Amino acid sequence: MKLLARCAFLSVVVSLAGCASRQPAPVVERRAPLVVLETSPAPVETPAAAAAATAAESRPSAYVVKKGDTLYSIALDHGQSYRDLTAWNGLEDPNKIKVGQQLRVLPPAPPEAPTPVAVTQPVTLPAALEVRPLTAAALPAAATQANSDKLKREPRALKRPYSEETLAALRKADAAYAAGAVAAGAAGAAVADAPEAKVETKVDAKVEARGDARTVTATEDAVDWGWPAGGKLINNFVEGSNKGIDIAAKLGDPVLSAAAGKVVYSGSSLRGYGKLVIVKHNAAFLSAYAHNSQLLVKEGQSVAKGQKIAEAGSSDADQTMLHFEIRRQGKPVDPVKQLPSR
């Protein structure tokens, strides 16, 4: 009896020890490092660009003809070609306009693109389809073999009994993973905190050497000006009375285009200007050359900076000279502030 009691006691102890050794292995949650992406800020509109856009929007789109106006003078005062005004207003003869007539002085807005219309069509189905169940016999032999090989090669779940060595190995692997995540996060922070590369810009040497307060802020202001004649200045720009400058000249002296552009007028139909050439340089600027004796360019002709476009004279003037104007969106501006210093 004592022997049986001892055997029963030993079996109970062994069972308890076996149950104690079947504790589940520790589970450690692993998380990938958090990556933060920085987006570049939206472009901010500069005050100069906003002011230029406001000035363009404030320009009147229509003009009412007054006594003494001609289509040529209206075009000059609004910085446009008289041919454009003729086309925009459907005029048959540019010399025939009436007092009180309203003329468009800005190009009409382009027509809006038509809204696309969705077209629905009935869906036609092919003839009756035969439906068959997918079986292993219908698959190619190679695909079946590949799938079976793939299933055979999948790793099985690894079950390891609990022990101090197993726990230490798992903790060591987790520590190595955490160290790698910290290193990756530090590298990302170093890249995010790195100073931005500085972009160097070069300023036009001519603008820098001029030393005035004007700043080229838009493409419409980027005109490379030059003097149209070599004589001395005899009359300055006076707002409201003299819309340009007068340069002394001799009969036949060359008159040069002050900048590259396109001739929009060449004739003598504008009273007070004599034989006149008008060159349009861009959407904002044009220049006028008056009182010439000979005109050497035609309307629609492209000219380069410094190209001879006329010969000085005294047409519609009391002395031989060149009257030179620069207009920005039709408004006269002081040419001396635009031209380089002599």
C-alpha atoms as a PDB file:
ATOM      1  CA  MET A   1       0.000   0.000   0.000  1.00  0.00           C
ATOM      2  CA  LYS A   2       2.794   2.389   0.858  1.00  0.00           C
ATOM      3  CA  LEU A   3       4.410   1.628  -2.516  1.00  0.00           C
ATOM      4  CA  LEU A   4       1.177   2.413  -4.354  1.00  0.00           C
ATOM      5  CA  ALA A   5       0.719   5.644  -2.439  1.00  0.00           C
ATOM      6  CA  ARG A   6       4.229   6.783  -3.301  1.00  0.00           C
ATOM      7  CA  CYS A   7       3.711   5.975  -7.010  1.00  0.00           C
ATOM      8  CA  ALA A   8       0.469   7.950  -7.071  1.00  0.00           C
ATOM      9  CA  PHE A   9       2.183  10.897  -5.367  1.00  0.00           C
ATOM     10  CA  LEU A  10       5.049  10.877  -7.892  1.00  0.00           C
ATOM     11  CA  SER A  11       2.637  10.754 -10.846  1.00  0.00           C
ATOM     12  CA  VAL A  12       0.781  13.807  -9.500  1.00  0.00           C
ATOM     13  CA  VAL A  13       4.058  15.726  -9.092  1.00  0.00           C
ATOM     14  CA  VAL A  14       5.174  14.849 -12.638  1.00  0.00           C
ATOM     15  CA  SER A  15       1.802  15.962 -14.059  1.00  0.00           C
ATOM     16  CA  LEU A  16       1.998  19.320 -12.277  1.00  0.00           C
ATOM     17  CA  ALA A  17       5.568  19.846 -13.505  1.00  0.00           C
ATOM     18  CA  GLY A  18       4.490  19.078 -17.063  1.00  0.00           C
ATOM     19  CA  CYS A  19       1.635  21.574 -16.861  1.00  0.00           C
ATOM     20  CA  ALA A  20       3.964  24.216 -15.472  1.00  0.00           C
ATOM     21  CA  SER A  21       6.393  23.750 -18.400  1.00  0.00           C
ATOM     22  CA  ARG A  22       3.648  24.337 -20.979  1.00  0.00           C
ATOM     23  CA  GLN A  23       3.365  28.080 -20.389  1.00  0.00           C
ATOM     24  CA  PRO A  24       2.837  30.078 -23.627  1.00  0.00           C
ATOM     25  CA  ALA A  25       5.853  31.795 -25.158  1.00  0.00           C
ATOM     26  CA  PRO A  26       6.020  35.558 -24.607  1.00  0.00           C
ATOM     27  CA  VAL A  27       4.526  37.697 -27.392  1.00  0.00           C
ATOM     28  CA  VAL A  28       6.266  40.950 -28.329  1.00  0.00           C
ATOM     29  CA  GLU A  29       4.463  43.457 -30.571  1.00  0.00           C
ATOM     30  CA  ARG A  30       6.678  44.954 -33.260  1.00  0.00           C
ATOM     31  CA  ARG A  31       5.771  48.249 -34.877  1.00  0.00           C
ATOM     32  CA  ALA A  32       7.335  49.828 -37.925  1.00  0.00           C
ATOM     33  CA  PRO A  33       8.778  53.353 -37.411  1.00  0.00           C
ATOM     34  CA  LEU A  34       6.424  56.249 -38.198  1.00  0.00           C
ATOM     35  CA  VAL A  35       7.472  58.212 -41.295  1.00  0.00           C
ATOM     36  CA  VAL A  36       6.273  61.827 -41.627  1.00  0.00           C
ATOM     37  CA  LEU A  37       6.219  63.317 -45.105  1.00  0.00           C
ATOM     38  CA  GLU A  38       6.543  67.085 -45.478  1.00  0.00           C
ATOM     39  CA  THR A  39       4.632  68.755 -48.256  1.00  0.00           C
ATOM     40  CA  SER A  40       5.928  71.872 -49.927  1.00  0.00           C
ATOM     41  CA  PRO A  41       3.921  75.011 -49.131  1.00  0.00           C
ATOM     42  CA  ALA A  42       1.558  76.375 -51.740  1.00  0.00           C
ATOM     43  CA  PRO A  43       3.013  79.223 -53.855  1.00  0.00           C
ATOM     44  CA  VAL A  44       2.263  82.666 -52.451  1.00  0.00           C
ATOM     45  CA  GLU A  45       1.374  85.452 -54.844  1.00  0.00           C
ATOM     46  CA  THR A  46       3.805  88.369 -54.503  1.00  0.00           C
ATOM     47  CA  PRO A  47       2.466  91.904 -53.914  1.00  0.00           C
ATOM     48  CA  ALA A  48       4.094  93.097 -57.164  1.00  0.00           C
ATOM     49  CA  ALA A  49       2.325  90.418 -59.207  1.00  0.00           C
ATOM     50  CA  ALA A  50      -0.979  91.197 -57.474  1.00  0.00           C
ATOM     51  CA  ALA A  51      -0.540  94.915 -58.189  1.00  0.00           C
ATOM     52  CA  ALA A  52       0.226  94.210 -61.859  1.00  0.00           C
ATOM     53  CA  ALA A  53      -2.865  91.998 -62.148  1.00  0.00           C
ATOM     54  CA  THR A  54      -5.021  94.672 -60.467  1.00  0.00           C
ATOM     55  CA  ALA A  55      -3.699  97.359 -62.819  1.00  0.00           C
ATOM     56  CA  ALA A  56      -4.471  95.190 -65.843  1.00  0.00           C
ATOM     57  CA  GLU A  57      -8.016  94.502 -64.610  1.00  0.00           C
ATOM     58  CA  SER A  58      -8.663  98.228 -63.949  1.00  0.00           C
ATOM     59  CA  ARG A  59      -8.062  99.241 -67.566  1.00  0.00           C
ATOM     60  CA  PRO A  60     -11.296 100.289 -69.292  1.00  0.00           C
ATOM     61  CA  SER A  61     -12.448  97.965 -72.031  1.00  0.00           C
ATOM     62  CA  ALA A  62     -14.435 100.613 -73.949  1.00  0.00           C
ATOM     63  CA  TYR A  63     -13.956 104.238 -75.013  1.00  0.00           C
ATOM     64  CA  VAL A  64     -16.481 106.835 -76.179  1.00  0.00           C
ATOM     65  CA  VAL A  65     -15.272 108.867 -79.161  1.00  0.00           C
ATOM     66  CA  LYS A  66     -14.888 112.598 -78.470  1.00  0.00           C
ATOM     67  CA  LYS A  67     -14.526 115.574 -80.773  1.00  0.00           C
ATOM     68  CA  GLY A  68     -11.080 115.657 -82.378  1.00  0.00           C
ATOM     69  CA  ASP A  69     -10.396 111.934 -81.831  1.00  0.00           C
ATOM     70  CA  THR A  70      -9.109 109.699 -84.562  1.00  0.00           C
ATOM     71  CA  LEU A  71      -8.802 105.956 -84.465  1.00  0.00           C
ATOM     72  CA  TYR A  72      -5.013 106.399 -84.574  1.00  0.00           C
ATOM     73  CA  SER A  73      -4.944 108.700 -81.531  1.00  0.00           C
ATOM     74  CA  ILE A  74      -7.308 106.405 -79.620  1.00  0.00           C
ATOM     75  CA  ALA A  75      -5.089 103.421 -80.416  1.00  0.00           C
ATOM     76  CA  LEU A  76      -1.980 105.311 -79.251  1.00  0.00           C
ATOM     77  CA  ASP A  77      -3.658 106.461 -76.030  1.00  0.00           C
ATOM     78  CA  HIS A  78      -4.658 102.894 -75.185  1.00  0.00           C
ATOM     79  CA  GLY A  79      -1.452 101.178 -76.268  1.00  0.00           C
ATOM     80  CA  GLN A  80      -3.062  99.251 -79.115  1.00  0.00           C
ATOM     81  CA  SER A  81      -2.709  98.921 -82.862  1.00  0.00           C
ATOM     82  CA  TYR A  82      -5.319 100.780 -84.882  1.00  0.00           C
ATOM     83  CA  ARG A  83      -5.714  97.650 -86.986  1.00  0.00           C
ATOM     84  CA  ASP A  84      -6.716  95.722 -83.866  1.00  0.00           C
ATOM     85  CA  LEU A  85      -9.267  98.384 -82.959  1.00  0.00           C
ATOM     86  CA  THR A  86     -10.621  98.189 -86.496  1.00  0.00           C
ATOM     87  CA  ALA A  87     -11.046  94.405 -86.219  1.00  0.00           C
ATOM     88  CA  TRP A  88     -12.432  94.380 -82.665  1.00  0.00           C
ATOM     89  CA  ASN A  89     -15.111  96.966 -83.559  1.00  0.00           C
ATOM     90  CA  GLY A  90     -15.949  95.680 -87.057  1.00  0.00           C
ATOM     91  CA  LEU A  91     -15.059  98.972 -88.746  1.00  0.00           C
ATOM     92  CA  GLU A  92     -14.952  99.053 -92.536  1.00  0.00           C
ATOM     93  CA  ASP A  93     -12.934 102.300 -92.704  1.00  0.00           C
ATOM     94  CA  PRO A  94     -10.602 103.301 -89.807  1.00  0.00           C
ATOM     95  CA  ASN A  95     -10.958 106.953 -90.871  1.00  0.00           C
ATOM     96  CA  LYS A  96     -14.704 106.973 -90.254  1.00  0.00           C
ATOM     97  CA  ILE A  97     -15.683 107.116 -86.598  1.00  0.00           C
ATOM     98  CA  LYS A  98     -18.385 109.278 -85.028  1.00  0.00           C
ATOM     99  CA  VAL A  99     -18.524 111.381 -81.879  1.00  0.00           C
ATOM    100  CA  GLY A 100     -20.331 109.419 -79.167  1.00  0.00           C
ATOM    101  CA  GLN A 101     -19.491 106.075 -80.749  1.00  0.00           C
ATOM    102  CA  GLN A 102     -18.366 103.451 -78.250  1.00  0.00           C
ATOM    103  CA  LEU A 103     -15.268 101.504 -79.254  1.00  0.00           C
ATOM    104  CA  ARG A 104     -13.732  98.419 -77.733  1.00  0.00           C
ATOM    105  CA  VAL A 105     -10.113  99.135 -76.765  1.00  0.00           C
ATOM    106  CA  LEU A 106      -9.257  95.766 -75.217  1.00  0.00           C
ATOM    107  CA  PRO A 107      -9.319  92.407 -76.969  1.00  0.00           C
ATOM    108  CA  PRO A 108     -12.560  90.456 -76.509  1.00  0.00           C
ATOM    109  CA  ALA A 109     -12.514  87.527 -74.132  1.00  0.00           C
ATOM    110  CA  PRO A 110     -11.909  84.173 -75.800  1.00  0.00           C
ATOM    111  CA  PRO A 111     -15.041  82.018 -76.201  1.00  0.00           C
ATOM    112  CA  GLU A 112     -15.618  79.431 -73.521  1.00  0.00           C
ATOM    113  CA  ALA A 113     -15.039  75.836 -74.453  1.00  0.00           C
ATOM    114  CA  PRO A 114     -18.312  73.896 -74.829  1.00  0.00           C
ATOM    115  CA  THR A 115     -19.216  71.576 -71.985  1.00  0.00           C
ATOM    116  CA  PRO A 116     -18.716  67.965 -73.055  1.00  0.00           C
ATOM    117  CA  VAL A 117     -21.954  65.969 -73.273  1.00  0.00           C
ATOM    118  CA  ALA A 118     -21.972  62.375 -72.142  1.00  0.00           C
ATOM    119  CA  VAL A 119     -23.338  60.004 -74.750  1.00  0.00           C
ATOM    120  CA  THR A 120     -24.895  56.785 -73.522  1.00  0.00           C
ATOM    121  CA  GLN A 121     -24.973  53.726 -75.695  1.00  0.00           C
ATOM    122  CA  PRO A 122     -26.599  50.349 -75.004  1.00  0.00           C
ATOM    123  CA  VAL A 123     -24.248  47.579 -73.982  1.00  0.00           C
ATOM    124  CA  THR A 124     -24.500  44.607 -76.297  1.00  0.00           C
ATOM    125  CA  LEU A 125     -23.665  41.206 -74.914  1.00  0.00           C
ATOM    126  CA  PRO A 126     -22.166  38.438 -77.034  1.00  0.00           C
ATOM    127  CA  ALA A 127     -23.897  35.169 -77.693  1.00  0.00           C
ATOM    128  CA  ALA A 128     -24.758  32.800 -74.874  1.00  0.00           C
ATOM    129  CA  LEU A 129     -21.739  32.049 -72.703  1.00  0.00           C
ATOM    130  CA  GLU A 130     -20.916  28.563 -71.566  1.00  0.00           C
ATOM    131  CA  VAL A 131     -20.190  28.374 -67.843  1.00  0.00           C
ATOM    132  CA  ARG A 132     -18.017  25.538 -66.606  1.00  0.00           C
ATOM    133  CA  PRO A 133     -16.875  24.805 -63.046  1.00  0.00           C
ATOM    134  CA  LEU A 134     -13.163  25.305 -62.396  1.00  0.00           C
ATOM    135  CA  THR A 135     -11.557  22.008 -61.496  1.00  0.00           C
ATOM    136  CA  ALA A 136      -8.027  20.846 -61.025  1.00  0.00           C
ATOM    137  CA  ALA A 137      -8.254  18.900 -64.249  1.00  0.00           C
ATOM    138  CA  ALA A 138      -8.950  22.143 -66.197  1.00  0.00           C
ATOM    139  CA  LEU A 139      -5.734  23.782 -64.974  1.00  0.00           C
ATOM    140  CA  PRO A 140      -2.454  23.300 -66.821  1.00  0.00           C
ATOM    141  CA  ALA A 141      -0.154  20.732 -65.347  1.00  0.00           C
ATOM    142  CA  ALA A 142       2.663  23.248 -64.897  1.00  0.00           C
ATOM    143  CA  ALA A 143       0.469  25.618 -62.863  1.00  0.00           C
ATOM    144  CA  THR A 144      -0.746  22.760 -60.668  1.00  0.00           C
ATOM    145  CA  GLN A 145       2.818  21.628 -60.062  1.00  0.00           C
ATOM    146  CA  ALA A 146       3.972  25.176 -59.263  1.00  0.00           C
ATOM    147  CA  ASN A 147       1.141  25.686 -56.762  1.00  0.00           C
ATOM    148  CA  SER A 148       1.840  22.375 -55.090  1.00  0.00           C
ATOM    149  CA  ASP A 149       5.561  23.178 -54.846  1.00  0.00           C
ATOM    150  CA  LYS A 150       4.744  26.594 -53.392  1.00  0.00           C
ATOM    151  CA  LEU A 151       2.498  25.042 -50.763  1.00  0.00           C
ATOM    152  CA  LYS A 152       5.151  22.495 -49.851  1.00  0.00           C
ATOM    153  CA  ARG A 153       7.797  25.175 -49.468  1.00  0.00           C
ATOM    154  CA  GLU A 154       5.792  27.426 -47.093  1.00  0.00           C
ATOM    155  CA  PRO A 155       7.457  27.525 -43.644  1.00  0.00           C
ATOM    156  CA  ARG A 156       5.630  25.866 -40.793  1.00  0.00           C
ATOM    157  CA  ALA A 157       4.815  27.658 -37.555  1.00  0.00           C
ATOM    158  CA  LEU A 158       7.643  27.256 -35.098  1.00  0.00           C
ATOM    159  CA  LYS A 159       6.639  26.237 -31.588  1.00  0.00           C
ATOM    160  CA  ARG A 160       9.340  26.470 -28.996  1.00  0.00           C
ATOM    161  CA  PRO A 161       8.880  25.394 -25.378  1.00  0.00           C
ATOM    162  CA  TYR A 162       9.249  28.056 -22.727  1.00  0.00           C
ATOM    163  CA  SER A 163      12.694  28.424 -21.240  1.00  0.00           C
ATOM    164  CA  GLU A 164      14.997  31.166 -19.990  1.00  0.00           C
ATOM    165  CA  GLU A 165      17.159  30.763 -23.105  1.00  0.00           C
ATOM    166  CA  THR A 166      14.162  31.207 -25.424  1.00  0.00           C
ATOM    167  CA  LEU A 167      13.003  34.364 -23.591  1.00  0.00           C
ATOM    168  CA  ALA A 168      16.515  35.838 -23.674  1.00  0.00           C
ATOM    169  CA  ALA A 169      16.815  35.170 -27.427  1.00  0.00           C
ATOM    170  CA  LEU A 170      13.486  36.881 -28.128  1.00  0.00           C
ATOM    171  CA  ARG A 171      14.412  39.915 -26.017  1.00  0.00           C
ATOM    172  CA  LYS A 172      17.753  40.203 -27.805  1.00  0.00           C
ATOM    173  CA  ALA A 173      16.049  40.163 -31.221  1.00  0.00           C
ATOM    174  CA  ASP A 174      13.545  42.823 -30.083  1.00  0.00           C
ATOM    175  CA  ALA A 175      16.339  45.039 -28.797  1.00  0.00           C
ATOM    176  CA  ALA A 176      18.147  44.829 -32.158  1.00  0.00           C
ATOM    177  CA  TYR A 177      14.911  45.696 -34.014  1.00  0.00           C
ATOM    178  CA  ALA A 178      14.243  48.687 -31.736  1.00  0.00           C
ATOM    179  CA  ALA A 179      17.815  49.964 -32.223  1.00  0.00           C
ATOM    180  CA  GLY A 180      17.385  49.804 -36.013  1.00  0.00           C
ATOM    181  CA  ALA A 181      14.082  51.721 -35.860  1.00  0.00           C
ATOM    182  CA  VAL A 182      15.649  54.463 -33.718  1.00  0.00           C
ATOM    183  CA  ALA A 183      18.559  54.791 -36.140  1.00  0.00           C
ATOM    184  CA  ALA A 184      16.185  55.072 -39.111  1.00  0.00           C
ATOM    185  CA  GLY A 185      14.135  57.747 -37.323  1.00  0.00           C
ATOM    186  CA  ALA A 186      17.269  59.749 -36.498  1.00  0.00           C
ATOM    187  CA  ALA A 187      18.390  59.626 -40.131  1.00  0.00           C
ATOM    188  CA  GLY A 188      14.981  60.870 -41.300  1.00  0.00           C
ATOM    189  CA  ALA A 189      15.055  63.713 -38.765  1.00  0.00           C
ATOM    190  CA  ALA A 190      18.542  64.715 -39.940  1.00  0.00           C
ATOM    191  CA  VAL A 191      17.302  64.917 -43.519  1.00  0.00           C
ATOM    192  CA  ALA A 192      14.220  66.929 -42.490  1.00  0.00           C
ATOM    193  CA  ASP A 193      16.320  69.359 -40.392  1.00  0.00           C
ATOM    194  CA  ALA A 194      18.960  69.851 -43.085  1.00  0.00           C
ATOM    195  CA  PRO A 195      19.122  73.474 -44.306  1.00  0.00           C
ATOM    196  CA  GLU A 196      17.517  74.151 -47.662  1.00  0.00           C
ATOM    197  CA  ALA A 197      19.809  74.687 -50.620  1.00  0.00           C
ATOM    198  CA  LYS A 198      20.175  78.331 -51.471  1.00  0.00           C
ATOM    199  CA  VAL A 199      19.378  79.312 -55.035  1.00  0.00           C
ATOM    200  CA  GLU A 200      21.539  82.104 -56.353  1.00  0.00           C
ATOM    201  CA  THR A 201      19.999  84.498 -58.824  1.00  0.00           C
ATOM    202  CA  LYS A 202      21.842  86.858 -61.083  1.00  0.00           C
ATOM    203  CA  VAL A 203      20.658  90.397 -61.650  1.00  0.00           C
ATOM    204  CA  ASP A 204      20.936  91.956 -65.058  1.00  0.00           C
ATOM    205  CA  ALA A 205      24.146  93.974 -65.043  1.00  0.00           C
ATOM    206  CA  LYS A 206      22.481  96.824 -66.926  1.00  0.00           C
ATOM    207  CA  VAL A 207      19.689  97.154 -64.360  1.00  0.00           C
ATOM    208  CA  GLU A 208      22.191  96.868 -61.498  1.00  0.00           C
ATOM    209  CA  ALA A 209      24.529  99.487 -62.976  1.00  0.00           C
ATOM    210  CA  ARG A 210      21.696 101.909 -63.575  1.00  0.00           C
ATOM    211  CA  GLY A 211      21.175 102.253 -59.850  1.00  0.00           C
ATOM    212  CA  ASP A 212      17.624 103.615 -60.012  1.00  0.00           C
ATOM    213  CA  ALA A 213      14.644 102.555 -57.928  1.00  0.00           C
ATOM    214  CA  ARG A 214      12.817 100.703 -60.695  1.00  0.00           C
ATOM    215  CA  THR A 215      12.437  96.963 -60.266  1.00  0.00           C
ATOM    216  CA  VAL A 216      11.718  94.529 -63.063  1.00  0.00           C
ATOM    217  CA  THR A 217       8.886  92.455 -61.590  1.00  0.00           C
ATOM    218  CA  ALA A 218       7.120  91.016 -64.613  1.00  0.00           C
ATOM    219  CA  THR A 219       7.781  89.963 -68.173  1.00  0.00           C
ATOM    220  CA  GLU A 220       5.888  92.964 -69.504  1.00  0.00           C
ATOM    221  CA  ASP A 221       8.450  95.307 -67.885  1.00  0.00           C
ATOM    222  CA  ALA A 222      11.517  93.481 -69.195  1.00  0.00           C
ATOM    223  CA  VAL A 223      12.314  95.772 -72.140  1.00  0.00           C
ATOM    224  CA  ASP A 224      15.941  96.398 -73.081  1.00  0.00           C
ATOM    225  CA  TRP A 225      15.823 100.100 -73.958  1.00  0.00           C
ATOM    226  CA  GLY A 226      18.347 102.181 -75.875  1.00  0.00           C
ATOM    227  CA  TRP A 227      18.494 105.783 -77.051  1.00  0.00           C
ATOM    228  CA  PRO A 228      16.772 106.368 -80.421  1.00  0.00           C
ATOM    229  CA  ALA A 229      19.080 109.211 -81.504  1.00  0.00           C
ATOM    230  CA  GLY A 230      22.464 110.662 -80.613  1.00  0.00           C
ATOM    231  CA  GLY A 231      21.549 114.347 -80.283  1.00  0.00           C
ATOM    232  CA  LYS A 232      21.244 116.310 -77.072  1.00  0.00           C
ATOM    233  CA  LEU A 233      18.027 116.556 -75.098  1.00  0.00           C
ATOM    234  CA  ILE A 234      16.253 119.868 -75.784  1.00  0.00           C
ATOM    235  CA  ASN A 235      12.821 119.305 -74.167  1.00  0.00           C
ATOM    236  CA  ASN A 236      12.003 117.091 -71.162  1.00  0.00           C
ATOM    237  CA  PHE A 237       8.915 115.055 -70.416  1.00  0.00           C
ATOM    238  CA  VAL A 238       6.184 117.114 -68.746  1.00  0.00           C
ATOM    239  CA  GLU A 239       3.086 115.248 -67.640  1.00  0.00           C
ATOM    240  CA  GLY A 240       0.004 116.763 -69.181  1.00  0.00           C
ATOM    241  CA  SER A 241       1.794 118.892 -71.796  1.00  0.00           C
ATOM    242  CA  ASN A 242       4.803 117.186 -73.355  1.00  0.00           C
ATOM    243  CA  LYS A 243       4.123 113.438 -73.576  1.00  0.00           C
ATOM    244  CA  GLY A 244       7.714 112.575 -74.461  1.00  0.00           C
ATOM    245  CA  ILE A 245      11.156 114.079 -74.970  1.00  0.00           C
ATOM    246  CA  ASP A 246      12.595 116.053 -77.869  1.00  0.00           C
ATOM    247  CA  ILE A 247      16.081 115.252 -79.157  1.00  0.00           C
ATOM    248  CA  ALA A 248      18.016 117.666 -81.360  1.00  0.00           C
ATOM    249  CA  ALA A 249      18.863 116.316 -84.812  1.00  0.00           C
ATOM    250  CA  LYS A 250      19.928 117.297 -88.307  1.00  0.00           C
ATOM    251  CA  LEU A 251      17.912 116.569 -91.403  1.00  0.00           C
ATOM    252  CA  GLY A 252      18.466 112.947 -92.405  1.00  0.00           C
ATOM    253  CA  ASP A 253      20.024 111.819 -89.102  1.00  0.00           C
ATOM    254  CA  PRO A 254      19.242 108.154 -88.360  1.00  0.00           C
ATOM    255  CA  VAL A 255      16.322 107.383 -86.073  1.00  0.00           C
ATOM    256  CA  LEU A 256      16.806 104.032 -84.312  1.00  0.00           C
ATOM    257  CA  SER A 257      14.330 101.654 -82.730  1.00  0.00           C
ATOM    258  CA  ALA A 258      14.782 101.958 -78.964  1.00  0.00           C
ATOM    259  CA  ALA A 259      14.031  98.256 -78.441  1.00  0.00           C
ATOM    260  CA  ALA A 260      13.076  95.165 -80.372  1.00  0.00           C
ATOM    261  CA  GLY A 261       9.440  94.945 -81.403  1.00  0.00           C
ATOM    262  CA  LYS A 262       6.890  95.083 -84.197  1.00  0.00           C
ATOM    263  CA  VAL A 263       5.838  98.144 -86.208  1.00  0.00           C
ATOM    264  CA  VAL A 264       2.131  98.784 -85.622  1.00  0.00           C
ATOM    265  CA  TYR A 265       1.950 102.145 -87.400  1.00  0.00           C
ATOM    266  CA  SER A 266       3.937 103.916 -90.107  1.00  0.00           C
ATOM    267  CA  GLY A 267       2.298 106.977 -91.653  1.00  0.00           C
ATOM    268  CA  SER A 268       1.216 110.593 -91.201  1.00  0.00           C
ATOM    269  CA  SER A 269      -2.454 110.375 -90.199  1.00  0.00           C
ATOM    270  CA  LEU A 270      -1.944 111.426 -86.578  1.00  0.00           C
ATOM    271  CA  ARG A 271      -2.156 115.202 -86.290  1.00  0.00           C
ATOM    272  CA  GLY A 272       0.739 116.921 -84.525  1.00  0.00           C
ATOM    273  CA  TYR A 273       3.186 114.047 -85.057  1.00  0.00           C
ATOM    274  CA  GLY A 274       4.054 114.429 -88.742  1.00  0.00           C
ATOM    275  CA  LYS A 275       5.565 111.302 -90.251  1.00  0.00           C
ATOM    276  CA  LEU A 276       5.301 108.857 -87.381  1.00  0.00           C
ATOM    277  CA  VAL A 277       6.475 105.336 -86.534  1.00  0.00           C
ATOM    278  CA  ILE A 278       5.007 103.374 -83.619  1.00  0.00           C
ATOM    279  CA  VAL A 279       6.674 100.163 -82.412  1.00  0.00           C
ATOM    280  CA  LYS A 280       4.941  97.749 -80.032  1.00  0.00           C
ATOM    281  CA  HIS A 281       7.420  95.900 -77.808  1.00  0.00           C
ATOM    282  CA  ASN A 282       5.150  93.677 -75.697  1.00  0.00           C
ATOM    283  CA  ALA A 283       1.698  93.621 -74.123  1.00  0.00           C
ATOM    284  CA  ALA A 284       2.420  96.790 -72.096  1.00  0.00           C
ATOM    285  CA  PHE A 285       4.993  98.986 -73.849  1.00  0.00           C
ATOM    286  CA  LEU A 286       5.172 100.793 -77.175  1.00  0.00           C
ATOM    287  CA  SER A 287       7.342 103.660 -78.411  1.00  0.00           C
ATOM    288  CA  ALA A 288       6.621 106.492 -80.868  1.00  0.00           C
ATOM    289  CA  TYR A 289       9.037 108.376 -83.193  1.00  0.00           C
ATOM    290  CA  ALA A 290       7.635 111.618 -84.656  1.00  0.00           C
ATOM    291  CA  HIS A 291       8.494 114.490 -87.077  1.00  0.00           C
ATOM    292  CA  ASN A 292      10.542 112.274 -89.414  1.00  0.00           C
ATOM    293  CA  SER A 293      11.435 113.200 -92.981  1.00  0.00           C
ATOM    294  CA  GLN A 294      11.488 109.606 -94.261  1.00  0.00           C
ATOM    295  CA  LEU A 295       9.930 106.397 -92.957  1.00  0.00           C
ATOM    296  CA  LEU A 296      11.967 103.255 -93.622  1.00  0.00           C
ATOM    297  CA  VAL A 297       9.730 100.529 -92.159  1.00  0.00           C
ATOM    298  CA  LYS A 298       6.245  99.207 -92.859  1.00  0.00           C
ATOM    299  CA  GLU A 299       3.410  98.122 -90.619  1.00  0.00           C
ATOM    300  CA  GLY A 300       3.734  94.539 -89.431  1.00  0.00           C
ATOM    301  CA  GLN A 301       7.526  94.541 -89.843  1.00  0.00           C
ATOM    302  CA  SER A 302       9.668  93.231 -86.971  1.00  0.00           C
ATOM    303  CA  VAL A 303      12.579  95.445 -85.957  1.00  0.00           C
ATOM    304  CA  ALA A 304      15.617  94.925 -83.751  1.00  0.00           C
ATOM    305  CA  LYS A 305      17.007  97.205 -81.095  1.00  0.00           C
ATOM    306  CA  GLY A 306      19.159  99.908 -82.736  1.00  0.00           C
ATOM    307  CA  GLN A 307      17.777  99.269 -86.232  1.00  0.00           C
ATOM    308  CA  LYS A 308      17.341 102.372 -88.402  1.00  0.00           C
ATOM    309  CA  ILE A 309      13.614 102.889 -88.892  1.00  0.00           C
ATOM    310  CA  ALA A 310      13.416 106.522 -90.101  1.00  0.00           C
ATOM    311  CA  GLU A 311      15.352 109.700 -90.877  1.00  0.00           C
ATOM    312  CA  ALA A 312      14.993 112.807 -88.735  1.00  0.00           C
ATOM    313  CA  GLY A 313      13.063 115.770 -90.087  1.00  0.00           C
ATOM    314  CA  SER A 314      10.645 118.560 -89.225  1.00  0.00           C
ATOM    315  CA  SER A 315       7.288 117.223 -90.473  1.00  0.00           C
ATOM    316  CA  ASP A 316       4.501 118.933 -88.517  1.00  0.00           C
ATOM    317  CA  ALA A 317       7.112 120.721 -86.360  1.00  0.00           C
ATOM    318  CA  ASP A 318       8.872 124.108 -86.351  1.00  0.00           C
ATOM    319  CA  GLN A 319      12.390 122.654 -86.241  1.00  0.00           C
ATOM    320  CA  THR A 320      14.276 119.494 -87.120  1.00  0.00           C
ATOM    321  CA  MET A 321      14.187 117.101 -84.158  1.00  0.00           C
ATOM    322  CA  LEU A 322      12.989 113.732 -82.986  1.00  0.00           C
ATOM    323  CA  HIS A 323      10.007 113.616 -80.676  1.00  0.00           C
ATOM    324  CA  PHE A 324      10.209 110.314 -78.771  1.00  0.00           C
ATOM    325  CA  GLU A 325       7.557 108.785 -76.519  1.00  0.00           C
ATOM    326  CA  ILE A 326       7.308 105.632 -74.398  1.00  0.00           C
ATOM    327  CA  ARG A 327       3.843 104.506 -73.361  1.00  0.00           C
ATOM    328  CA  ARG A 328       2.936 101.852 -70.834  1.00  0.00           C
ATOM    329  CA  GLN A 329      -0.567 100.494 -71.433  1.00  0.00           C
ATOM    330  CA  GLY A 330      -1.259 103.664 -73.405  1.00  0.00           C
ATOM    331  CA  LYS A 331      -0.178 106.074 -70.646  1.00  0.00           C
ATOM    332  CA  PRO A 332       2.866 108.280 -71.406  1.00  0.00           C
ATOM    333  CA  VAL A 333       5.834 107.723 -69.077  1.00  0.00           C
ATOM    334  CA  ASP A 334       9.084 109.651 -68.800  1.00  0.00           C
ATOM    335  CA  PRO A 335      11.480 108.086 -71.346  1.00  0.00           C
ATOM    336  CA  VAL A 336      14.543 109.308 -69.420  1.00  0.00           C
ATOM    337  CA  LYS A 337      13.598 107.022 -66.514  1.00  0.00           C
ATOM    338  CA  GLN A 338      13.447 104.052 -68.883  1.00  0.00           C
ATOM    339  CA  LEU A 339      16.520 104.756 -71.028  1.00  0.00           C
ATOM    340  CA  PRO A 340      20.064 103.981 -69.866  1.00  0.00           C
ATOM    341  CA  SER A 341      22.218 106.851 -68.637  1.00  0.00           C
ATOM    342  CA  ARG A 342      24.503 108.381 -71.223  1.00  0.00           C
END
